[in-house]
Structure formats: structure tokens, C-alpha cells
């Protein structure tokens, strides 16, 4: 269930960037702007390696510490973990 949500966000992100909507400003200190980064898989060659490492590290921390699936939850996909609880 969690990976389905991530997949939906990935598709939406691709649709938005393919439509030409970009963040303002620079993606790195050398001045590469977000508009210089292409949409889709081609963006991996333009994003600096340290930026990709930060993304993977952040997602890994979320997977291992914050977004734990609680066994015995009330329903499938019950990710409440005490940090943020909306119900």
C-alpha cells in the first residue's frame, strides 16, 4: 500500500515536470537552475551525485525510522507511529 502511494506521487511528479512546471532558483551552488534539468530519467544525469545521495539517504531514514508499518494496526496501511497522528 505504501509503495502504491509513492508510485502515484512519482507519476504526478513526472506529469508536472513534463508540463514544464519547475521550482524557481538553482539546484546546486554552481548555478544550475531547475529549468535546466529535463523531465524523467534524463534528469538523473543532470542532478549532482551529492544531491542524489541526499535524496536516497532521506528516503532511507524515512523508511527505517518514521514510516514503519505497525503490526496489529487497525487497518491495512495503518502507519501511525506516534509522530503525527491524524486519527
C-alpha atoms as a PDB file:
ATOM      1  CA  UNK A   1       0.000   0.000   0.000  1.00  0.00           C
ATOM      2  CA  UNK A   2       2.819   2.379   0.898  1.00  0.00           C
ATOM      3  CA  UNK A   3       4.629   1.743  -2.385  1.00  0.00           C
ATOM      4  CA  UNK A   4       1.443   2.357  -4.347  1.00  0.00           C
ATOM      5  CA  UNK A   5       1.226   5.828  -2.823  1.00  0.00           C
ATOM      6  CA  UNK A   6       4.860   6.512  -3.704  1.00  0.00           C
ATOM      7  CA  UNK A   7       4.228   5.349  -7.272  1.00  0.00           C
ATOM      8  CA  UNK A   8       1.270   7.708  -7.597  1.00  0.00           C
ATOM      9  CA  UNK A   9       3.415  10.613  -6.357  1.00  0.00           C
ATOM     10  CA  UNK A  10       6.157   9.686  -8.843  1.00  0.00           C
ATOM     11  CA  UNK A  11       3.722   9.687 -11.770  1.00  0.00           C
ATOM     12  CA  UNK A  12       2.288  13.031 -10.668  1.00  0.00           C
ATOM     13  CA  UNK A  13       5.807  14.465 -10.360  1.00  0.00           C
ATOM     14  CA  UNK A  14       6.646  13.324 -13.879  1.00  0.00           C
ATOM     15  CA  UNK A  15       3.426  14.824 -15.276  1.00  0.00           C
ATOM     16  CA  UNK A  16       4.112  18.166 -13.576  1.00  0.00           C
ATOM     17  CA  UNK A  17       7.721  18.409 -14.758  1.00  0.00           C
ATOM     18  CA  UNK A  18       6.827  17.225 -18.279  1.00  0.00           C
ATOM     19  CA  UNK A  19       4.275  20.057 -18.382  1.00  0.00           C
ATOM     20  CA  UNK A  20       7.144  22.499 -17.802  1.00  0.00           C
ATOM     21  CA  UNK A  21       6.383  23.464 -14.212  1.00  0.00           C
ATOM     22  CA  UNK A  22       9.649  23.874 -12.286  1.00  0.00           C
ATOM     23  CA  UNK A  23      10.804  25.314  -8.988  1.00  0.00           C
ATOM     24  CA  UNK A  24      12.481  28.727  -9.136  1.00  0.00           C
ATOM     25  CA  UNK A  25      16.145  29.083  -8.281  1.00  0.00           C
ATOM     26  CA  UNK A  26      19.253  26.947  -8.558  1.00  0.00           C
ATOM     27  CA  UNK A  27      19.585  23.229  -7.850  1.00  0.00           C
ATOM     28  CA  UNK A  28      23.265  23.464  -6.863  1.00  0.00           C
ATOM     29  CA  UNK A  29      25.900  26.014  -5.894  1.00  0.00           C
ATOM     30  CA  UNK A  30      27.353  26.177  -9.406  1.00  0.00           C
ATOM     31  CA  UNK A  31      24.170  27.873 -10.616  1.00  0.00           C
ATOM     32  CA  UNK A  32      22.374  25.075 -12.480  1.00  0.00           C
ATOM     33  CA  UNK A  33      18.720  26.117 -12.459  1.00  0.00           C
ATOM     34  CA  UNK A  34      15.770  23.773 -12.121  1.00  0.00           C
ATOM     35  CA  UNK A  35      14.668  24.696 -15.650  1.00  0.00           C
ATOM     36  CA  UNK A  36      17.935  23.213 -16.995  1.00  0.00           C
ATOM     37  CA  UNK A  37      17.019  19.776 -15.599  1.00  0.00           C
ATOM     38  CA  UNK A  38      14.981  17.669 -18.058  1.00  0.00           C
ATOM     39  CA  UNK A  39      11.939  15.627 -17.097  1.00  0.00           C
ATOM     40  CA  UNK A  40      12.019  11.881 -16.485  1.00  0.00           C
ATOM     41  CA  UNK A  41      15.013   9.576 -16.248  1.00  0.00           C
ATOM     42  CA  UNK A  42      17.188  12.061 -18.162  1.00  0.00           C
ATOM     43  CA  UNK A  43      17.214  14.214 -15.015  1.00  0.00           C
ATOM     44  CA  UNK A  44      19.488  11.696 -13.262  1.00  0.00           C
ATOM     45  CA  UNK A  45      22.407  12.789 -15.438  1.00  0.00           C
ATOM     46  CA  UNK A  46      21.921  16.474 -14.567  1.00  0.00           C
ATOM     47  CA  UNK A  47      21.410  16.254 -10.800  1.00  0.00           C
ATOM     48  CA  UNK A  48      24.723  16.261  -8.889  1.00  0.00           C
ATOM     49  CA  UNK A  49      25.757  12.971  -7.250  1.00  0.00           C
ATOM     50  CA  UNK A  50      25.661  14.541  -3.794  1.00  0.00           C
ATOM     51  CA  UNK A  51      22.055  15.586  -4.425  1.00  0.00           C
ATOM     52  CA  UNK A  52      21.058  12.055  -5.398  1.00  0.00           C
ATOM     53  CA  UNK A  53      22.844  10.730  -2.298  1.00  0.00           C
ATOM     54  CA  UNK A  54      20.881  13.166  -0.111  1.00  0.00           C
ATOM     55  CA  UNK A  55      17.592  12.021  -1.651  1.00  0.00           C
ATOM     56  CA  UNK A  56      18.370   8.316  -1.124  1.00  0.00           C
ATOM     57  CA  UNK A  57      19.603   8.941   2.434  1.00  0.00           C
ATOM     58  CA  UNK A  58      16.470  10.928   3.327  1.00  0.00           C
ATOM     59  CA  UNK A  59      14.144   8.280   1.881  1.00  0.00           C
ATOM     60  CA  UNK A  60      16.110   5.537   3.652  1.00  0.00           C
ATOM     61  CA  UNK A  61      15.767   7.312   7.004  1.00  0.00           C
ATOM     62  CA  UNK A  62      12.037   7.719   6.435  1.00  0.00           C
ATOM     63  CA  UNK A  63      11.649   4.032   5.534  1.00  0.00           C
ATOM     64  CA  UNK A  64      13.623   2.744   8.513  1.00  0.00           C
ATOM     65  CA  UNK A  65      12.531   5.070  11.294  1.00  0.00           C
ATOM     66  CA  UNK A  66       9.388   7.070  10.531  1.00  0.00           C
ATOM     67  CA  UNK A  67       7.188   5.102   8.101  1.00  0.00           C
ATOM     68  CA  UNK A  68       7.152   1.763   9.918  1.00  0.00           C
ATOM     69  CA  UNK A  69       4.144  -0.460   9.342  1.00  0.00           C
ATOM     70  CA  UNK A  70       2.698  -1.250  12.736  1.00  0.00           C
ATOM     71  CA  UNK A  71       1.827  -4.918  13.154  1.00  0.00           C
ATOM     72  CA  UNK A  72      -1.639  -5.319  14.537  1.00  0.00           C
ATOM     73  CA  UNK A  73      -2.790  -1.920  13.296  1.00  0.00           C
ATOM     74  CA  UNK A  74      -6.452  -1.058  12.962  1.00  0.00           C
ATOM     75  CA  UNK A  75      -6.446  -1.451   9.164  1.00  0.00           C
ATOM     76  CA  UNK A  76      -4.163  -2.203   6.216  1.00  0.00           C
ATOM     77  CA  UNK A  77      -1.820   0.753   5.678  1.00  0.00           C
ATOM     78  CA  UNK A  78      -2.075   1.977   9.271  1.00  0.00           C
ATOM     79  CA  UNK A  79       1.237   3.860   9.512  1.00  0.00           C
ATOM     80  CA  UNK A  80       0.508   5.813  12.686  1.00  0.00           C
ATOM     81  CA  UNK A  81       3.669   5.798  14.719  1.00  0.00           C
ATOM     82  CA  UNK A  82       3.286   8.456  17.420  1.00  0.00           C
ATOM     83  CA  UNK A  83       4.932  11.293  15.464  1.00  0.00           C
ATOM     84  CA  UNK A  84       1.913  12.519  13.531  1.00  0.00           C
ATOM     85  CA  UNK A  85      -1.482  11.049  14.262  1.00  0.00           C
ATOM     86  CA  UNK A  86      -4.454  12.304  12.271  1.00  0.00           C
ATOM     87  CA  UNK A  87      -6.885   9.716  13.528  1.00  0.00           C
END
